[in-house]
Amino acid sequence: MVKSMVVAGVMSGTSADGVDVAICKISPALMAGGTPRIKLLGHLGLAYSKTLRTAVLGAMDADAISVAELARLNWRLGELYADAVVSAQEKFGVTVNLVGCHGQTIYHQGSPEKYLGKALRATWQIGEASVIAERLRVPVVSDFRPGDLAAGGQGAPLVPMLDYCMFRSAKVSRVLLNLGGIGNLTAIPAEAGVDGLMAFDTGPGNMVIDACMKRLYAREFDRAGAVGRTGRVLQNVVQEVLKEKYFSALPPKSCGREQFGEVFVSRFIAMCRKAGGVEDRNEDVITTATALTAASVGQAYRKFVWGHVGQAAPLSRVEFVVAGGGTKNVSLMRMLSAELEPMGVKVRLMEELGVPAQAKEAVAFALLAWLSWFDLPGNIPAATGAKRAAVLGKVTTV
């Protein structure tokens, strides 16, 4: 029997900057055919230590890494996630009944590629669930993405289930963008059912900006977009990158460090150096990386989303709501607004809908864990391309 539970959602994303815990009360729908009710009780964000972040980044899409290193990192992250949930329980004075842990993605390949004679998809999230279950003495749902891949989907994006349950509206169309390491959006036309939803990854969010900051300034990120505010946008570079295959591919689609990791960053910096000529400046690279993220979102909206949410409808009826760490980058948010305003779209922050920008993905995995616990599907085939709605995740009990 489906019932109310207090669930901790644990999320660490492709930015690899830390872990977010969202403690939620999730209850069954009030009416038959309705969606679950989700109440956020508290959110806690904890940064990775410098050494742990270095280890995580070193494991992502690595050309070579020892099995011992991966095994130890898997268990170390399990301990970290357990610590984070314990801290959140203590901070908010609640005890959870269930944990949903996304884990740390170290490889994600959403489209089939041939390997040992067989075309297959692959994904891998680490962070040992048994450690969390033992420490918390509650069941843990983890490893959500493989269930969707096995059903023919891309394993991403999975956040659209939360978007549909919490933010769909009978009166306005909503586009919900999350700016983590990767940018991903969900478009929900007014009065749409779950099959009318569109969702996909737009391309790099903070990932390329962060990597360029690391290489050029030895900093983890561009705090508040301060460096990005000082340089020039090398438009030729932005336009050249946007011609690449991923940006024109039709949704559903997903991406990660496999497309926009270290190899891409090396090429991107080289393109900026060439375009900058004798005036080559580091700040121009950061500003151009910031502009690339904004322009990729703007292009995705024009190509795929505008018509879907009702281009003929009054433009004031489209709300564009942004969440994720990228909302702290003032330069990025200004560029994003400039991209969208010519289409009559005004950018809002997720906080205006009652959810802290940094908490959203953790809330999503609390919901997905609750659905899995009651044997309910968590993916949306219209978003991932799966052949069917599937129950996601693997359950670890104590």
Protein backbone atom coordinates (compact mmCIF):
# COMPACT_ATOMS: atom_id res chain seq x y z
CA MET A 1 0.00 0.00 0.00
CA VAL A 2 1.34 3.39 -1.02
CA LYS A 3 1.87 5.69 1.98
CA SER A 4 3.58 8.88 3.11
CA MET A 5 7.30 8.69 3.87
CA VAL A 6 10.14 11.02 4.84
CA VAL A 7 12.78 10.53 2.15
CA ALA A 8 16.31 11.90 1.79
CA GLY A 9 17.37 12.59 -1.79
CA VAL A 10 21.15 12.66 -2.30
CA MET A 11 22.63 14.21 -5.42
CA SER A 12 26.18 14.82 -6.65
CA GLY A 13 26.30 16.07 -10.23
CA THR A 14 28.67 16.36 -13.15
CA SER A 15 30.23 19.52 -11.70
CA ALA A 16 31.69 17.25 -9.00
CA ASP A 17 31.71 20.13 -6.54
CA GLY A 18 29.83 18.51 -3.68
CA VAL A 19 26.72 16.74 -2.49
CA ASP A 20 23.19 18.03 -1.89
CA VAL A 21 20.71 16.40 0.47
CA ALA A 22 17.01 17.23 0.29
CA ILE A 23 14.76 15.83 3.01
CA CYS A 24 11.19 15.60 1.75
CA LYS A 25 7.84 14.34 2.90
CA ILE A 26 6.26 12.52 -0.03
CA SER A 27 2.61 11.51 0.07
CA PRO A 28 0.27 9.69 -2.29
CA ALA A 29 -1.96 11.68 -4.63
CA LEU A 30 -5.17 12.97 -3.08
CA MET A 31 -7.21 11.88 -6.09
CA ALA A 32 -7.04 8.87 -8.40
CA GLY A 33 -4.83 9.62 -11.37
CA GLY A 34 -3.09 12.50 -9.57
CA THR A 35 0.61 12.89 -8.84
CA PRO A 36 2.43 12.50 -5.50
CA ARG A 37 2.62 15.48 -3.16
CA ILE A 38 6.14 16.60 -2.29
CA LYS A 39 7.05 18.87 0.62
CA LEU A 40 10.65 19.95 1.09
CA LEU A 41 11.52 19.83 4.79
CA GLY A 42 15.12 20.96 4.45
CA HIS A 43 18.12 21.16 2.14
CA LEU A 44 21.80 20.82 3.00
CA GLY A 45 24.69 21.32 0.58
CA LEU A 46 28.19 20.11 1.41
CA ALA A 47 31.28 20.80 -0.71
CA TYR A 48 33.73 18.07 -1.67
CA SER A 49 37.20 18.50 -0.23
CA LYS A 50 39.82 19.52 -2.78
CA THR A 51 41.42 16.07 -2.70
CA LEU A 52 38.12 14.24 -3.10
CA ARG A 53 37.05 16.47 -6.00
CA THR A 54 40.38 15.83 -7.70
CA ALA A 55 39.85 12.08 -7.31
CA VAL A 56 36.29 12.26 -8.68
CA LEU A 57 37.28 14.37 -11.67
CA GLY A 58 40.17 12.00 -12.32
CA ALA A 59 37.78 9.04 -12.46
CA MET A 60 35.26 10.65 -14.84
CA ASP A 61 35.56 9.33 -18.38
CA ALA A 62 39.15 8.36 -17.56
CA ASP A 63 41.34 6.82 -20.27
CA ALA A 64 43.12 4.82 -17.59
CA ILE A 65 42.53 4.33 -13.86
CA SER A 66 43.19 1.37 -11.58
CA VAL A 67 40.42 -0.93 -10.44
CA ALA A 68 41.62 -0.39 -6.87
CA GLU A 69 41.19 3.39 -7.23
CA LEU A 70 37.61 2.99 -8.50
CA ALA A 71 36.72 0.51 -5.76
CA ARG A 72 38.10 2.74 -3.01
CA LEU A 73 36.39 5.83 -4.44
CA ASN A 74 33.08 3.96 -4.58
CA TRP A 75 33.31 3.14 -0.87
CA ARG A 76 34.65 6.58 0.11
CA LEU A 77 31.69 8.25 -1.58
CA GLY A 78 29.32 5.87 0.22
CA GLU A 79 30.73 7.09 3.53
CA LEU A 80 30.47 10.72 2.40
CA TYR A 81 26.83 10.35 1.36
CA ALA A 82 25.98 8.67 4.67
CA ASP A 83 27.70 11.50 6.56
CA ALA A 84 25.70 14.04 4.56
CA VAL A 85 22.34 12.42 5.35
CA VAL A 86 23.24 12.14 9.04
CA SER A 87 24.15 15.84 9.09
CA ALA A 88 20.89 16.77 7.36
CA GLN A 89 18.83 14.73 9.83
CA GLU A 90 20.54 16.44 12.74
CA LYS A 91 20.17 19.92 11.22
CA PHE A 92 16.46 19.60 10.49
CA GLY A 93 15.48 17.38 13.41
CA VAL A 94 13.93 14.59 11.36
CA THR A 95 14.51 10.89 10.83
CA VAL A 96 14.23 9.56 7.29
CA ASN A 97 12.44 6.34 6.30
CA LEU A 98 14.16 5.95 2.95
CA VAL A 99 17.19 7.31 1.04
CA GLY A 100 17.40 7.90 -2.72
CA CYS A 101 21.04 8.27 -3.77
CA HIS A 102 21.92 9.19 -7.35
CA GLY A 103 25.63 8.55 -6.86
CA GLN A 104 28.49 10.15 -8.76
CA THR A 105 28.45 9.60 -12.51
CA ILE A 106 31.86 8.55 -13.79
CA TYR A 107 30.71 7.45 -17.25
CA HIS A 108 27.53 7.98 -19.23
CA GLN A 109 26.93 6.89 -22.82
CA GLY A 110 23.27 7.37 -23.68
CA SER A 111 23.49 6.34 -27.34
CA PRO A 112 24.45 2.85 -28.56
CA GLU A 113 28.05 2.26 -29.58
CA LYS A 114 29.61 -1.01 -30.69
CA TYR A 115 31.65 -2.86 -28.09
CA LEU A 116 32.94 -6.44 -28.44
CA GLY A 117 30.60 -7.07 -31.32
CA LYS A 118 27.45 -5.66 -29.70
CA ALA A 119 25.93 -2.17 -29.91
CA LEU A 120 25.11 -1.04 -26.38
CA ARG A 121 24.52 1.89 -24.08
CA ALA A 122 26.34 2.22 -20.75
CA THR A 123 26.23 4.27 -17.57
CA TRP A 124 27.98 4.05 -14.21
CA GLN A 125 27.25 5.89 -10.98
CA ILE A 126 29.35 5.08 -7.90
CA GLY A 127 28.85 5.56 -4.15
CA GLU A 128 28.32 2.32 -2.20
CA ALA A 129 24.66 2.05 -1.16
CA SER A 130 25.37 -0.69 1.40
CA VAL A 131 27.41 1.77 3.44
CA ILE A 132 24.53 4.27 3.50
CA ALA A 133 21.97 1.61 4.43
CA GLU A 134 24.13 0.26 7.25
CA ARG A 135 24.93 3.69 8.66
CA LEU A 136 21.35 5.00 8.46
CA ARG A 137 19.60 1.66 9.13
CA VAL A 138 17.02 2.40 6.43
CA PRO A 139 16.54 1.13 2.86
CA VAL A 140 18.44 2.89 0.09
CA VAL A 141 17.43 3.14 -3.56
CA SER A 142 20.39 3.80 -5.87
CA ASP A 143 21.62 3.23 -9.44
CA PHE A 144 18.56 4.77 -11.11
CA ARG A 145 19.76 5.24 -14.68
CA PRO A 146 20.40 1.62 -15.84
CA GLY A 147 16.69 0.73 -15.68
CA ASP A 148 15.90 3.34 -18.29
CA LEU A 149 18.85 2.34 -20.48
CA ALA A 150 17.76 -1.29 -20.37
CA ALA A 151 14.33 -0.17 -21.60
CA GLY A 152 15.91 1.52 -24.60
CA GLY A 153 16.22 5.01 -23.15
CA GLN A 154 19.22 7.29 -22.70
CA GLY A 155 19.14 7.09 -18.90
CA ALA A 156 18.67 10.85 -18.79
CA PRO A 157 17.16 13.21 -18.04
CA LEU A 158 15.32 11.79 -15.01
CA VAL A 159 14.45 15.08 -13.28
CA PRO A 160 11.39 15.60 -15.58
CA MET A 161 9.33 13.32 -13.31
CA LEU A 162 9.74 15.90 -10.54
CA ASP A 163 9.08 18.75 -12.96
CA TYR A 164 5.82 17.13 -14.03
CA CYS A 165 4.67 16.32 -10.49
CA MET A 166 5.52 19.69 -8.95
CA PHE A 167 5.44 22.34 -11.65
CA ARG A 168 2.96 21.58 -14.40
CA SER A 169 0.18 24.15 -14.70
CA ALA A 170 -3.21 24.42 -16.33
CA LYS A 171 -2.66 28.14 -16.99
CA VAL A 172 0.95 28.62 -18.12
CA SER A 173 3.54 26.69 -20.08
CA ARG A 174 6.75 26.18 -18.13
CA VAL A 175 10.30 25.55 -19.24
CA LEU A 176 12.47 24.40 -16.33
CA LEU A 177 16.23 24.63 -16.85
CA ASN A 178 18.83 23.17 -14.53
CA LEU A 179 22.33 24.59 -14.86
CA GLY A 180 24.63 22.05 -13.26
CA GLY A 181 27.72 20.70 -14.98
CA ILE A 182 25.42 19.97 -17.89
CA GLY A 183 22.38 22.07 -18.80
CA ASN A 184 19.10 20.17 -18.99
CA LEU A 185 15.58 21.43 -19.48
CA THR A 186 12.01 20.23 -19.26
CA ALA A 187 9.28 21.88 -21.32
CA ILE A 188 5.70 21.38 -20.12
CA PRO A 189 2.95 22.99 -22.20
CA ALA A 190 -0.05 24.30 -20.26
CA GLU A 191 -2.53 21.50 -19.46
CA ALA A 192 -0.14 18.87 -20.90
CA GLY A 193 -0.27 15.27 -19.81
CA VAL A 194 2.92 13.37 -19.13
CA ASP A 195 3.22 12.34 -22.79
CA GLY A 196 3.22 16.02 -23.84
CA LEU A 197 6.40 16.78 -21.94
CA MET A 198 9.72 17.44 -23.72
CA ALA A 199 13.08 17.15 -21.95
CA PHE A 200 16.73 16.90 -22.97
CA ASP A 201 20.27 18.05 -22.18
CA THR A 202 21.09 21.37 -23.88
CA GLY A 203 24.89 20.95 -23.63
CA PRO A 204 27.48 22.29 -21.18
CA GLY A 205 26.20 24.15 -18.14
CA ASN A 206 29.03 25.05 -15.75
CA MET A 207 31.34 22.25 -16.88
CA VAL A 208 33.38 24.04 -19.54
CA ILE A 209 33.53 27.31 -17.57
CA ASP A 210 34.82 25.45 -14.49
CA ALA A 211 37.41 23.48 -16.46
CA CYS A 212 38.72 26.63 -18.15
CA MET A 213 38.94 28.39 -14.78
CA LYS A 214 40.90 25.45 -13.39
CA ARG A 215 43.39 25.46 -16.24
CA LEU A 216 43.83 29.20 -16.69
CA TYR A 217 43.35 30.58 -13.16
CA ALA A 218 43.85 27.53 -10.88
CA ARG A 219 40.39 28.18 -9.43
CA GLU A 220 37.53 25.71 -9.13
CA PHE A 221 34.92 28.02 -10.71
CA ASP A 222 34.21 31.60 -11.74
CA ARG A 223 32.73 32.98 -8.52
CA ALA A 224 29.64 35.06 -9.32
CA GLY A 225 30.84 35.24 -12.94
CA ALA A 226 33.43 37.86 -12.01
CA VAL A 227 35.99 36.82 -14.65
CA GLY A 228 33.34 36.20 -17.29
CA ARG A 229 32.21 39.78 -16.86
CA THR A 230 35.62 41.20 -17.89
CA GLY A 231 36.37 39.49 -21.21
CA ARG A 232 35.14 39.57 -24.79
CA VAL A 233 32.76 37.05 -26.32
CA LEU A 234 34.57 35.44 -29.25
CA GLN A 235 31.43 34.96 -31.31
CA ASN A 236 33.12 32.99 -34.08
CA VAL A 237 34.10 30.33 -31.53
CA VAL A 238 30.59 30.14 -30.07
CA GLN A 239 29.00 29.81 -33.50
CA GLU A 240 31.53 27.21 -34.65
CA VAL A 241 30.90 25.02 -31.58
CA LEU A 242 27.13 25.31 -32.00
CA LYS A 243 27.45 23.79 -35.48
CA GLU A 244 28.63 20.53 -33.92
CA LYS A 245 26.45 17.46 -34.16
CA TYR A 246 25.14 17.33 -30.60
CA PHE A 247 23.45 20.73 -30.69
CA SER A 248 21.45 19.98 -33.85
CA ALA A 249 20.49 16.41 -32.85
CA LEU A 250 16.79 16.04 -32.12
CA PRO A 251 15.60 15.29 -28.56
CA PRO A 252 15.55 13.05 -26.65
CA LYS A 253 19.30 13.37 -26.10
CA SER A 254 21.75 13.47 -23.22
CA CYS A 255 25.42 14.35 -22.78
CA GLY A 256 28.18 14.62 -20.19
CA ARG A 257 31.94 14.76 -19.79
CA GLU A 258 32.22 12.26 -22.63
CA GLN A 259 31.24 15.12 -25.01
CA PHE A 260 32.31 18.22 -23.06
CA GLY A 261 35.13 17.05 -20.81
CA GLU A 262 38.90 17.58 -20.97
CA VAL A 263 39.33 16.77 -24.66
CA PHE A 264 36.65 19.30 -25.62
CA VAL A 265 38.09 21.92 -23.25
CA SER A 266 41.58 21.61 -24.80
CA ARG A 267 40.09 22.12 -28.24
CA PHE A 268 37.89 24.99 -27.05
CA ILE A 269 40.81 26.89 -25.48
CA ALA A 270 42.83 26.40 -28.68
CA MET A 271 39.94 27.81 -30.72
CA CYS A 272 39.76 30.84 -28.43
CA ARG A 273 43.54 31.41 -28.65
CA LYS A 274 43.35 31.38 -32.43
CA ALA A 275 40.30 33.68 -32.54
CA GLY A 276 41.86 36.07 -30.01
CA GLY A 277 44.95 36.56 -32.16
CA VAL A 278 47.48 39.07 -30.84
CA GLU A 279 44.99 40.17 -28.18
CA ASP A 280 44.79 36.64 -26.74
CA ARG A 281 43.58 36.95 -23.12
CA ASN A 282 42.53 34.37 -20.54
CA GLU A 283 39.43 36.32 -19.57
CA ASP A 284 38.16 36.07 -23.16
CA VAL A 285 38.21 32.27 -22.87
CA ILE A 286 36.07 32.38 -19.71
CA THR A 287 33.64 34.92 -21.16
CA THR A 288 33.30 32.87 -24.34
CA ALA A 289 32.73 29.65 -22.37
CA THR A 290 29.99 31.46 -20.43
CA ALA A 291 28.46 32.73 -23.67
CA LEU A 292 28.54 29.20 -25.11
CA THR A 293 26.36 27.89 -22.30
CA ALA A 294 23.85 30.74 -22.70
CA ALA A 295 23.82 30.47 -26.50
CA SER A 296 23.35 26.69 -26.44
CA VAL A 297 20.28 27.11 -24.22
CA GLY A 298 18.94 29.89 -26.44
CA GLN A 299 19.45 27.81 -29.58
CA ALA A 300 17.79 24.79 -27.98
CA TYR A 301 14.80 26.93 -27.06
CA ARG A 302 14.46 28.33 -30.58
CA LYS A 303 14.97 25.01 -32.38
CA PHE A 304 13.06 22.58 -30.21
CA VAL A 305 11.07 24.20 -27.41
CA TRP A 306 9.41 27.37 -28.67
CA GLY A 307 7.01 25.57 -30.97
CA HIS A 308 6.42 22.80 -28.45
CA VAL A 309 5.15 25.10 -25.70
CA GLY A 310 2.89 26.96 -28.10
CA GLN A 311 4.58 29.58 -30.26
CA ALA A 312 1.19 30.99 -31.22
CA ALA A 313 0.09 31.43 -27.60
CA PRO A 314 0.61 34.76 -25.80
CA LEU A 315 4.31 34.88 -24.97
CA SER A 316 3.58 36.00 -21.42
CA ARG A 317 2.17 32.52 -20.81
CA VAL A 318 5.63 30.91 -21.01
CA GLU A 319 7.61 30.86 -17.76
CA PHE A 320 11.32 30.03 -18.01
CA VAL A 321 12.51 28.88 -14.58
CA VAL A 322 16.20 28.26 -13.79
CA ALA A 323 17.76 26.14 -11.03
CA GLY A 324 21.22 24.73 -10.27
CA GLY A 325 24.63 26.13 -9.38
CA GLY A 326 24.75 28.18 -12.58
CA THR A 327 22.20 30.59 -11.10
CA LYS A 328 25.02 31.95 -8.90
CA ASN A 329 26.96 33.03 -11.98
CA VAL A 330 25.69 36.58 -12.56
CA SER A 331 27.37 36.85 -15.96
CA LEU A 332 25.80 33.61 -17.16
CA MET A 333 22.33 34.61 -15.99
CA ARG A 334 22.63 38.00 -17.74
CA MET A 335 23.70 36.33 -20.98
CA LEU A 336 20.88 33.79 -20.69
CA SER A 337 18.32 36.57 -20.22
CA ALA A 338 19.74 38.37 -23.26
CA GLU A 339 19.36 35.19 -25.34
CA LEU A 340 15.74 34.65 -24.36
CA GLU A 341 14.32 38.16 -24.13
CA PRO A 342 14.07 38.64 -27.93
CA MET A 343 11.64 35.69 -27.89
CA GLY A 344 9.54 37.39 -25.21
CA VAL A 345 10.72 35.03 -22.47
CA LYS A 346 11.56 36.32 -18.99
CA VAL A 347 13.87 34.28 -16.78
CA ARG A 348 12.73 33.39 -13.26
CA LEU A 349 14.53 31.56 -10.45
CA MET A 350 13.37 28.25 -9.01
CA GLU A 351 13.07 29.86 -5.56
CA GLU A 352 10.05 31.75 -6.88
CA LEU A 353 8.27 28.39 -7.15
CA GLY A 354 9.24 27.41 -3.62
CA VAL A 355 12.28 25.16 -4.18
CA PRO A 356 15.89 26.36 -3.61
CA ALA A 357 17.78 26.29 -6.91
CA GLN A 358 20.51 24.04 -5.54
CA ALA A 359 18.05 21.55 -4.01
CA LYS A 360 15.99 20.61 -7.04
CA GLU A 361 17.89 17.56 -8.30
CA ALA A 362 18.17 16.12 -4.79
CA VAL A 363 14.40 16.52 -4.39
CA ALA A 364 13.99 14.68 -7.71
CA PHE A 365 15.89 11.64 -6.46
CA ALA A 366 13.92 11.60 -3.23
CA LEU A 367 10.78 11.36 -5.39
CA LEU A 368 12.27 8.69 -7.65
CA ALA A 369 13.26 6.61 -4.61
CA TRP A 370 9.71 6.86 -3.21
CA LEU A 371 8.25 5.76 -6.54
CA SER A 372 10.66 2.83 -6.79
CA TRP A 373 9.92 1.72 -3.24
CA PHE A 374 6.26 1.35 -4.18
CA ASP A 375 7.04 -0.30 -7.52
CA LEU A 376 5.97 2.74 -9.55
CA PRO A 377 7.70 3.94 -12.76
CA GLY A 378 10.15 6.82 -12.44
CA ASN A 379 11.19 7.58 -16.01
CA ILE A 380 9.19 9.49 -18.61
CA PRO A 381 9.65 7.84 -22.02
CA ALA A 382 8.92 11.10 -23.84
CA ALA A 383 12.01 12.55 -22.13
CA THR A 384 14.47 9.65 -22.29
CA GLY A 385 13.35 7.80 -25.42
CA ALA A 386 12.68 4.56 -23.50
CA LYS A 387 10.25 2.03 -24.99
CA ARG A 388 8.22 1.95 -21.78
CA ALA A 389 7.79 3.45 -18.35
CA ALA A 390 10.12 1.57 -16.01
CA VAL A 391 10.62 1.17 -12.27
CA LEU A 392 14.10 2.57 -11.62
CA GLY A 393 16.84 1.84 -9.15
CA LYS A 394 18.17 -0.97 -7.01
CA VAL A 395 17.08 -1.38 -3.40
CA THR A 396 19.58 -2.07 -0.61
CA THR A 397 18.01 -3.07 2.71
CA VAL A 398 19.38 -3.72 6.19
